[in-house]
Amino acid sequence: RFSKYSIEYNSTSTLLALKVFVQVCANFMGSTGASPNPANLVGDHFDLDAVSSESLCKTHMLLLEQTQLMQIILGYFFGDYEKAWIASENLRATGATSFAGLMFPYFLAFYRGLTALAQWDILRSRNFMKVAKSCLNELKIGQKNSPINLSHSYYLLKA
């Protein structure tokens, strides 16, 4: 029903944003559709591979950044650290400007740090440890500003 109204009133970016979250939830519940890998943001509700990143950049920068963040989270939780790292690098390259003033930069720092540590554990590259420390510093700054929201993320990444 919401889809019908979103199309009718031309709020397709809201519809796409909701489809991203629905697909993430479906992946966590094991309903990945055609994709056998739950770490992929691909399924019956949303297909990241079918959505052109270039067209999203021009019209829906926040949506593009949101999909990349969700891809990082899915990749990390389902053990596809390389996919999570690539999404993390893509998001870092865009500057994540749409997230300014929100909690999303801290979510990004947390999951980027976790992904960097997982990649470091596999590849033992100093670059990953440097990224993890940088993410920890971002969370430390955020923790000072919002200790209730960010203390747990800071301590989990530090551990």
N, C-alpha and C. Protein backbone atom coordinates (compact mmCIF):
# COMPACT_ATOMS: atom_id res chain seq x y z
N ARG A 1 0.82 -1.19 0.00
CA ARG A 1 0.00 0.00 0.00
C ARG A 1 0.87 1.26 0.00
N PHE A 2 1.90 1.26 0.85
CA PHE A 2 2.79 2.42 0.90
C PHE A 2 3.51 2.60 -0.44
N SER A 3 3.89 1.50 -1.07
CA SER A 3 4.57 1.56 -2.36
C SER A 3 3.71 2.27 -3.39
N LYS A 4 2.41 1.96 -3.39
CA LYS A 4 1.49 2.57 -4.35
C LYS A 4 1.45 4.09 -4.15
N TYR A 5 1.35 4.53 -2.89
CA TYR A 5 1.29 5.96 -2.62
C TYR A 5 2.63 6.64 -2.92
N SER A 6 3.73 5.96 -2.64
CA SER A 6 5.03 6.54 -2.92
C SER A 6 5.22 6.79 -4.40
N ILE A 7 4.78 5.85 -5.21
CA ILE A 7 4.88 6.02 -6.66
C ILE A 7 3.92 7.10 -7.13
N GLU A 8 2.70 7.09 -6.60
CA GLU A 8 1.69 8.06 -7.00
C GLU A 8 2.12 9.49 -6.69
N TYR A 9 2.73 9.71 -5.52
CA TYR A 9 3.13 11.06 -5.13
C TYR A 9 4.60 11.35 -5.41
N ASN A 10 5.21 10.50 -6.22
CA ASN A 10 6.58 10.68 -6.68
C ASN A 10 7.59 10.83 -5.53
N SER A 11 7.44 10.05 -4.50
CA SER A 11 8.42 10.03 -3.42
C SER A 11 9.21 8.72 -3.49
N THR A 12 9.78 8.49 -4.68
CA THR A 12 10.46 7.22 -4.91
C THR A 12 11.72 7.07 -4.07
N SER A 13 12.36 8.17 -3.69
CA SER A 13 13.56 8.04 -2.85
C SER A 13 13.19 7.49 -1.47
N THR A 14 12.04 7.89 -0.94
CA THR A 14 11.58 7.35 0.34
C THR A 14 11.27 5.86 0.19
N LEU A 15 10.65 5.51 -0.90
CA LEU A 15 10.34 4.11 -1.16
C LEU A 15 11.62 3.28 -1.27
N LEU A 16 12.61 3.78 -2.01
CA LEU A 16 13.88 3.07 -2.13
C LEU A 16 14.57 2.92 -0.78
N ALA A 17 14.54 3.97 0.03
CA ALA A 17 15.17 3.91 1.35
C ALA A 17 14.51 2.83 2.21
N LEU A 18 13.20 2.75 2.16
CA LEU A 18 12.50 1.72 2.92
C LEU A 18 12.80 0.33 2.38
N LYS A 19 12.92 0.20 1.07
CA LYS A 19 13.22 -1.10 0.48
C LYS A 19 14.60 -1.59 0.91
N VAL A 20 15.54 -0.66 1.09
CA VAL A 20 16.88 -1.04 1.56
C VAL A 20 16.75 -1.67 2.95
N PHE A 21 16.04 -1.02 3.86
CA PHE A 21 15.89 -1.55 5.22
C PHE A 21 15.10 -2.86 5.23
N VAL A 22 14.10 -2.97 4.38
CA VAL A 22 13.33 -4.22 4.30
C VAL A 22 14.23 -5.35 3.83
N GLN A 23 15.11 -5.07 2.85
CA GLN A 23 16.01 -6.11 2.36
C GLN A 23 17.04 -6.50 3.42
N VAL A 24 17.54 -5.53 4.17
CA VAL A 24 18.49 -5.84 5.25
C VAL A 24 17.82 -6.75 6.27
N CYS A 25 16.59 -6.41 6.66
CA CYS A 25 15.86 -7.25 7.61
C CYS A 25 15.62 -8.65 7.04
N ALA A 26 15.26 -8.72 5.76
CA ALA A 26 15.03 -10.02 5.11
C ALA A 26 16.31 -10.85 5.12
N ASN A 27 17.45 -10.21 4.86
CA ASN A 27 18.73 -10.94 4.88
C ASN A 27 19.02 -11.48 6.27
N PHE A 28 18.78 -10.68 7.30
CA PHE A 28 19.02 -11.15 8.66
C PHE A 28 18.08 -12.29 9.04
N MET A 29 16.89 -12.32 8.44
CA MET A 29 15.93 -13.39 8.73
C MET A 29 16.10 -14.59 7.81
N GLY A 30 17.07 -14.52 6.89
CA GLY A 30 17.35 -15.66 6.01
C GLY A 30 16.59 -15.67 4.71
N SER A 31 15.88 -14.60 4.39
CA SER A 31 15.12 -14.52 3.13
C SER A 31 15.89 -13.67 2.13
N THR A 32 16.89 -14.25 1.52
CA THR A 32 17.74 -13.48 0.61
C THR A 32 17.27 -13.52 -0.83
N GLY A 33 16.21 -14.22 -1.12
CA GLY A 33 15.69 -14.28 -2.49
C GLY A 33 16.64 -15.06 -3.38
N ALA A 34 16.99 -14.45 -4.50
CA ALA A 34 17.82 -15.13 -5.50
C ALA A 34 19.29 -15.23 -5.09
N SER A 35 19.72 -14.39 -4.17
CA SER A 35 21.12 -14.38 -3.76
C SER A 35 21.37 -15.42 -2.67
N PRO A 36 22.34 -16.31 -2.89
CA PRO A 36 22.65 -17.29 -1.86
C PRO A 36 23.47 -16.72 -0.70
N ASN A 37 24.02 -15.53 -0.90
CA ASN A 37 24.90 -14.92 0.10
C ASN A 37 24.15 -13.82 0.86
N PRO A 38 23.85 -14.01 2.14
CA PRO A 38 23.11 -12.98 2.88
C PRO A 38 23.92 -11.70 3.11
N ALA A 39 25.22 -11.73 2.82
CA ALA A 39 26.03 -10.53 2.96
C ALA A 39 25.80 -9.55 1.82
N ASN A 40 25.15 -10.00 0.76
CA ASN A 40 24.86 -9.11 -0.38
C ASN A 40 23.56 -8.36 -0.15
N LEU A 41 23.56 -7.10 -0.46
CA LEU A 41 22.34 -6.30 -0.37
C LEU A 41 21.55 -6.49 -1.67
N VAL A 42 21.15 -7.74 -1.87
CA VAL A 42 20.45 -8.15 -3.07
C VAL A 42 19.35 -9.11 -2.66
N GLY A 43 18.17 -8.92 -3.21
CA GLY A 43 17.08 -9.83 -2.89
C GLY A 43 15.79 -9.40 -3.54
N ASP A 44 14.70 -9.89 -2.99
CA ASP A 44 13.38 -9.62 -3.56
C ASP A 44 12.94 -8.17 -3.39
N HIS A 45 13.43 -7.49 -2.35
CA HIS A 45 12.97 -6.14 -2.05
C HIS A 45 13.88 -5.05 -2.61
N PHE A 46 15.18 -5.32 -2.68
CA PHE A 46 16.14 -4.32 -3.14
C PHE A 46 17.33 -5.05 -3.74
N ASP A 47 17.88 -4.48 -4.80
CA ASP A 47 19.04 -5.08 -5.46
C ASP A 47 20.07 -3.99 -5.70
N LEU A 48 21.09 -3.96 -4.83
CA LEU A 48 22.13 -2.94 -4.94
C LEU A 48 22.85 -3.04 -6.28
N ASP A 49 23.03 -4.26 -6.78
CA ASP A 49 23.72 -4.43 -8.04
C ASP A 49 22.94 -3.86 -9.22
N ALA A 50 21.62 -3.84 -9.13
CA ALA A 50 20.79 -3.34 -10.22
C ALA A 50 20.63 -1.82 -10.20
N VAL A 51 20.91 -1.20 -9.06
CA VAL A 51 20.78 0.25 -8.94
C VAL A 51 22.12 0.87 -9.31
N SER A 52 22.10 1.73 -10.28
CA SER A 52 23.33 2.37 -10.74
C SER A 52 23.82 3.37 -9.71
N SER A 53 25.03 3.16 -9.20
CA SER A 53 25.61 4.08 -8.22
C SER A 53 25.76 5.48 -8.81
N GLU A 54 26.08 5.54 -10.11
CA GLU A 54 26.25 6.84 -10.73
C GLU A 54 24.94 7.62 -10.76
N SER A 55 23.83 6.95 -11.07
CA SER A 55 22.55 7.65 -11.10
C SER A 55 22.11 8.02 -9.69
N LEU A 56 22.42 7.18 -8.70
CA LEU A 56 22.10 7.52 -7.32
C LEU A 56 22.90 8.72 -6.84
N CYS A 57 24.17 8.82 -7.24
CA CYS A 57 25.02 9.94 -6.83
C CYS A 57 24.40 11.26 -7.27
N LYS A 58 23.83 11.28 -8.45
CA LYS A 58 23.30 12.53 -8.98
C LYS A 58 21.99 12.94 -8.33
N THR A 59 21.18 11.96 -7.91
CA THR A 59 19.85 12.30 -7.44
C THR A 59 19.60 12.01 -5.96
N HIS A 60 20.21 10.97 -5.42
CA HIS A 60 19.90 10.55 -4.06
C HIS A 60 21.17 10.20 -3.30
N MET A 61 21.98 11.19 -3.00
CA MET A 61 23.25 10.94 -2.34
C MET A 61 23.06 10.27 -0.97
N LEU A 62 22.07 10.70 -0.22
CA LEU A 62 21.81 10.09 1.08
C LEU A 62 21.46 8.62 0.93
N LEU A 63 20.66 8.29 -0.07
CA LEU A 63 20.28 6.90 -0.32
C LEU A 63 21.51 6.07 -0.69
N LEU A 64 22.38 6.61 -1.52
CA LEU A 64 23.60 5.90 -1.89
C LEU A 64 24.45 5.62 -0.65
N GLU A 65 24.61 6.63 0.19
CA GLU A 65 25.42 6.46 1.39
C GLU A 65 24.74 5.48 2.36
N GLN A 66 23.44 5.52 2.45
CA GLN A 66 22.70 4.59 3.31
C GLN A 66 22.90 3.16 2.82
N THR A 67 22.81 2.93 1.52
CA THR A 67 22.98 1.56 1.00
C THR A 67 24.40 1.06 1.25
N GLN A 68 25.38 1.93 1.12
CA GLN A 68 26.76 1.52 1.38
C GLN A 68 26.94 1.15 2.86
N LEU A 69 26.36 1.94 3.75
CA LEU A 69 26.46 1.64 5.19
C LEU A 69 25.78 0.31 5.51
N MET A 70 24.62 0.07 4.92
CA MET A 70 23.94 -1.21 5.15
C MET A 70 24.74 -2.38 4.59
N GLN A 71 25.43 -2.15 3.46
CA GLN A 71 26.28 -3.20 2.88
C GLN A 71 27.45 -3.52 3.81
N ILE A 72 28.00 -2.50 4.45
CA ILE A 72 29.09 -2.71 5.42
C ILE A 72 28.58 -3.58 6.57
N ILE A 73 27.41 -3.23 7.10
CA ILE A 73 26.85 -3.96 8.24
C ILE A 73 26.56 -5.41 7.86
N LEU A 74 25.91 -5.64 6.70
CA LEU A 74 25.63 -7.00 6.26
C LEU A 74 26.92 -7.79 6.04
N GLY A 75 27.87 -7.16 5.35
CA GLY A 75 29.14 -7.83 5.08
C GLY A 75 29.86 -8.24 6.35
N TYR A 76 29.87 -7.33 7.33
CA TYR A 76 30.54 -7.65 8.59
C TYR A 76 29.82 -8.78 9.33
N PHE A 77 28.51 -8.66 9.49
CA PHE A 77 27.77 -9.66 10.25
C PHE A 77 27.82 -11.05 9.63
N PHE A 78 27.86 -11.11 8.31
CA PHE A 78 27.86 -12.42 7.65
C PHE A 78 29.26 -12.86 7.22
N GLY A 79 30.29 -12.18 7.70
CA GLY A 79 31.66 -12.63 7.51
C GLY A 79 32.26 -12.36 6.14
N ASP A 80 31.62 -11.53 5.34
CA ASP A 80 32.20 -11.16 4.04
C ASP A 80 32.93 -9.83 4.23
N TYR A 81 34.08 -9.91 4.89
CA TYR A 81 34.82 -8.71 5.28
C TYR A 81 35.34 -7.93 4.08
N GLU A 82 35.67 -8.63 3.02
CA GLU A 82 36.16 -7.94 1.82
C GLU A 82 35.06 -7.07 1.23
N LYS A 83 33.84 -7.60 1.13
CA LYS A 83 32.71 -6.82 0.62
C LYS A 83 32.43 -5.63 1.54
N ALA A 84 32.49 -5.86 2.85
CA ALA A 84 32.27 -4.77 3.80
C ALA A 84 33.36 -3.71 3.66
N TRP A 85 34.59 -4.14 3.46
CA TRP A 85 35.70 -3.19 3.32
C TRP A 85 35.56 -2.36 2.04
N ILE A 86 35.17 -3.00 0.95
CA ILE A 86 34.99 -2.28 -0.31
C ILE A 86 33.88 -1.23 -0.16
N ALA A 87 32.77 -1.60 0.47
CA ALA A 87 31.68 -0.65 0.70
C ALA A 87 32.15 0.48 1.61
N SER A 88 32.98 0.14 2.59
CA SER A 88 33.53 1.14 3.50
C SER A 88 34.41 2.14 2.76
N GLU A 89 35.24 1.62 1.88
CA GLU A 89 36.10 2.49 1.08
C GLU A 89 35.28 3.36 0.12
N ASN A 90 34.24 2.80 -0.47
CA ASN A 90 33.37 3.57 -1.36
C ASN A 90 32.69 4.70 -0.60
N LEU A 91 32.24 4.40 0.59
CA LEU A 91 31.57 5.42 1.40
C LEU A 91 32.54 6.49 1.85
N ARG A 92 33.75 6.09 2.21
CA ARG A 92 34.76 7.06 2.62
C ARG A 92 35.13 7.97 1.45
N ALA A 93 35.17 7.41 0.24
CA ALA A 93 35.51 8.19 -0.95
C ALA A 93 34.47 9.26 -1.26
N THR A 94 33.20 9.00 -0.92
CA THR A 94 32.16 10.00 -1.17
C THR A 94 32.18 11.10 -0.12
N GLY A 95 32.83 10.84 1.01
CA GLY A 95 32.90 11.83 2.07
C GLY A 95 31.76 11.74 3.05
N ALA A 96 30.77 10.92 2.74
CA ALA A 96 29.60 10.72 3.62
C ALA A 96 29.04 12.05 4.09
N THR A 97 28.93 13.00 3.18
CA THR A 97 28.47 14.35 3.52
C THR A 97 27.01 14.39 3.95
N SER A 98 26.20 13.47 3.46
CA SER A 98 24.78 13.47 3.81
C SER A 98 24.55 13.10 5.25
N PHE A 99 25.55 12.48 5.88
CA PHE A 99 25.40 12.02 7.25
C PHE A 99 25.76 13.08 8.29
N ALA A 100 26.26 14.21 7.86
CA ALA A 100 26.72 15.24 8.79
C ALA A 100 25.60 15.63 9.76
N GLY A 101 25.94 15.71 11.03
CA GLY A 101 24.99 16.12 12.05
C GLY A 101 24.11 14.99 12.56
N LEU A 102 24.29 13.79 12.04
CA LEU A 102 23.51 12.64 12.47
C LEU A 102 24.40 11.66 13.22
N MET A 103 23.83 10.56 13.66
CA MET A 103 24.59 9.50 14.32
C MET A 103 25.30 8.59 13.32
N PHE A 104 24.92 8.67 12.04
CA PHE A 104 25.48 7.78 11.04
C PHE A 104 27.01 7.82 10.93
N PRO A 105 27.66 8.99 11.06
CA PRO A 105 29.13 8.96 10.99
C PRO A 105 29.74 8.08 12.07
N TYR A 106 29.08 8.01 13.21
CA TYR A 106 29.60 7.16 14.29
C TYR A 106 29.30 5.69 14.02
N PHE A 107 28.14 5.40 13.43
CA PHE A 107 27.87 4.02 13.01
C PHE A 107 28.90 3.59 11.98
N LEU A 108 29.18 4.50 11.06
CA LEU A 108 30.18 4.20 10.03
C LEU A 108 31.54 3.96 10.67
N ALA A 109 31.94 4.81 11.59
CA ALA A 109 33.24 4.63 12.26
C ALA A 109 33.30 3.29 12.99
N PHE A 110 32.22 2.93 13.65
CA PHE A 110 32.18 1.67 14.39
C PHE A 110 32.32 0.47 13.46
N TYR A 111 31.48 0.41 12.43
CA TYR A 111 31.53 -0.75 11.53
C TYR A 111 32.75 -0.74 10.64
N ARG A 112 33.22 0.43 10.27
CA ARG A 112 34.47 0.51 9.49
C ARG A 112 35.64 0.01 10.35
N GLY A 113 35.64 0.39 11.63
CA GLY A 113 36.68 -0.08 12.55
C GLY A 113 36.63 -1.59 12.74
N LEU A 114 35.42 -2.14 12.93
CA LEU A 114 35.27 -3.58 13.07
C LEU A 114 35.75 -4.31 11.81
N THR A 115 35.36 -3.77 10.66
CA THR A 115 35.77 -4.39 9.39
C THR A 115 37.27 -4.31 9.21
N ALA A 116 37.86 -3.18 9.57
CA ALA A 116 39.32 -3.04 9.45
C ALA A 116 40.03 -4.04 10.35
N LEU A 117 39.53 -4.24 11.56
CA LEU A 117 40.15 -5.23 12.46
C LEU A 117 40.00 -6.65 11.92
N ALA A 118 38.85 -6.95 11.33
CA ALA A 118 38.65 -8.28 10.74
C ALA A 118 39.59 -8.48 9.56
N GLN A 119 39.75 -7.45 8.73
CA GLN A 119 40.68 -7.53 7.60
C GLN A 119 42.12 -7.63 8.09
N TRP A 120 42.44 -6.91 9.16
CA TRP A 120 43.80 -6.98 9.72
C TRP A 120 44.09 -8.39 10.21
N ASP A 121 43.11 -9.01 10.83
CA ASP A 121 43.28 -10.37 11.34
C ASP A 121 43.58 -11.35 10.20
N ILE A 122 43.03 -11.09 9.03
CA ILE A 122 43.24 -11.98 7.88
C ILE A 122 44.52 -11.63 7.13
N LEU A 123 44.74 -10.34 6.85
CA LEU A 123 45.83 -9.93 5.96
C LEU A 123 47.06 -9.37 6.67
N ARG A 124 46.91 -8.98 7.93
CA ARG A 124 48.01 -8.42 8.74
C ARG A 124 48.66 -7.19 8.10
N SER A 125 47.86 -6.36 7.49
CA SER A 125 48.37 -5.12 6.90
C SER A 125 48.26 -3.99 7.93
N ARG A 126 49.32 -3.21 8.06
CA ARG A 126 49.32 -2.09 9.02
C ARG A 126 48.25 -1.06 8.70
N ASN A 127 47.91 -0.95 7.42
CA ASN A 127 46.90 0.02 7.01
C ASN A 127 45.57 -0.23 7.73
N PHE A 128 45.20 -1.49 7.88
CA PHE A 128 43.94 -1.80 8.54
C PHE A 128 43.97 -1.41 10.02
N MET A 129 45.10 -1.62 10.67
CA MET A 129 45.22 -1.24 12.07
C MET A 129 45.17 0.29 12.21
N LYS A 130 45.77 0.99 11.27
CA LYS A 130 45.74 2.45 11.28
C LYS A 130 44.30 2.96 11.13
N VAL A 131 43.55 2.33 10.24
CA VAL A 131 42.14 2.71 10.05
C VAL A 131 41.34 2.43 11.32
N ALA A 132 41.58 1.28 11.95
CA ALA A 132 40.85 0.94 13.17
C ALA A 132 41.12 1.96 14.27
N LYS A 133 42.38 2.37 14.41
CA LYS A 133 42.72 3.37 15.43
C LYS A 133 42.08 4.72 15.12
N SER A 134 42.02 5.07 13.85
CA SER A 134 41.38 6.31 13.44
C SER A 134 39.88 6.27 13.77
N CYS A 135 39.25 5.14 13.51
CA CYS A 135 37.83 4.98 13.83
C CYS A 135 37.59 5.04 15.34
N LEU A 136 38.50 4.46 16.09
CA LEU A 136 38.40 4.51 17.55
C LEU A 136 38.50 5.95 18.05
N ASN A 137 39.38 6.74 17.44
CA ASN A 137 39.50 8.16 17.82
C ASN A 137 38.22 8.92 17.49
N GLU A 138 37.60 8.62 16.34
CA GLU A 138 36.33 9.27 15.99
C GLU A 138 35.26 8.95 17.03
N LEU A 139 35.20 7.68 17.43
CA LEU A 139 34.22 7.29 18.44
C LEU A 139 34.52 7.91 19.80
N LYS A 140 35.79 8.08 20.11
CA LYS A 140 36.17 8.70 21.39
C LYS A 140 35.69 10.15 21.43
N ILE A 141 35.84 10.86 20.33
CA ILE A 141 35.36 12.24 20.24
C ILE A 141 33.83 12.26 20.37
N GLY A 142 33.17 11.35 19.65
CA GLY A 142 31.72 11.27 19.73
C GLY A 142 31.23 10.89 21.11
N GLN A 143 32.00 10.03 21.79
CA GLN A 143 31.63 9.60 23.13
C GLN A 143 31.63 10.78 24.10
N LYS A 144 32.56 11.70 23.92
CA LYS A 144 32.59 12.88 24.80
C LYS A 144 31.36 13.74 24.60
N ASN A 145 30.88 13.82 23.34
CA ASN A 145 29.70 14.64 23.04
C ASN A 145 28.40 13.94 23.38
N SER A 146 28.38 12.62 23.28
CA SER A 146 27.15 11.87 23.50
C SER A 146 27.48 10.54 24.17
N PRO A 147 27.83 10.58 25.46
CA PRO A 147 28.29 9.36 26.13
C PRO A 147 27.24 8.25 26.20
N ILE A 148 25.98 8.60 26.31
CA ILE A 148 24.94 7.57 26.41
C ILE A 148 24.81 6.80 25.10
N ASN A 149 24.93 7.49 23.98
CA ASN A 149 24.74 6.84 22.68
C ASN A 149 25.98 6.11 22.19
N LEU A 150 27.17 6.58 22.55
CA LEU A 150 28.37 6.06 21.90
C LEU A 150 29.36 5.33 22.79
N SER A 151 29.16 5.31 24.08
CA SER A 151 30.13 4.64 24.96
C SER A 151 30.26 3.17 24.63
N HIS A 152 29.12 2.51 24.40
CA HIS A 152 29.17 1.07 24.11
C HIS A 152 29.93 0.77 22.82
N SER A 153 29.72 1.61 21.78
CA SER A 153 30.44 1.41 20.51
C SER A 153 31.93 1.61 20.71
N TYR A 154 32.29 2.64 21.46
CA TYR A 154 33.70 2.94 21.71
C TYR A 154 34.37 1.77 22.45
N TYR A 155 33.73 1.28 23.50
CA TYR A 155 34.34 0.21 24.30
C TYR A 155 34.37 -1.11 23.54
N LEU A 156 33.37 -1.38 22.73
CA LEU A 156 33.38 -2.61 21.94
C LEU A 156 34.51 -2.59 20.91
N LEU A 157 34.68 -1.47 20.23
CA LEU A 157 35.75 -1.38 19.24
C LEU A 157 37.11 -1.41 19.93
N LYS A 158 37.22 -0.77 21.07
CA LYS A 158 38.49 -0.76 21.81
C LYS A 158 38.87 -2.16 22.26
N ALA A 159 37.89 -2.97 22.62
CA ALA A 159 38.17 -4.33 23.09
C ALA A 159 38.74 -5.15 21.95
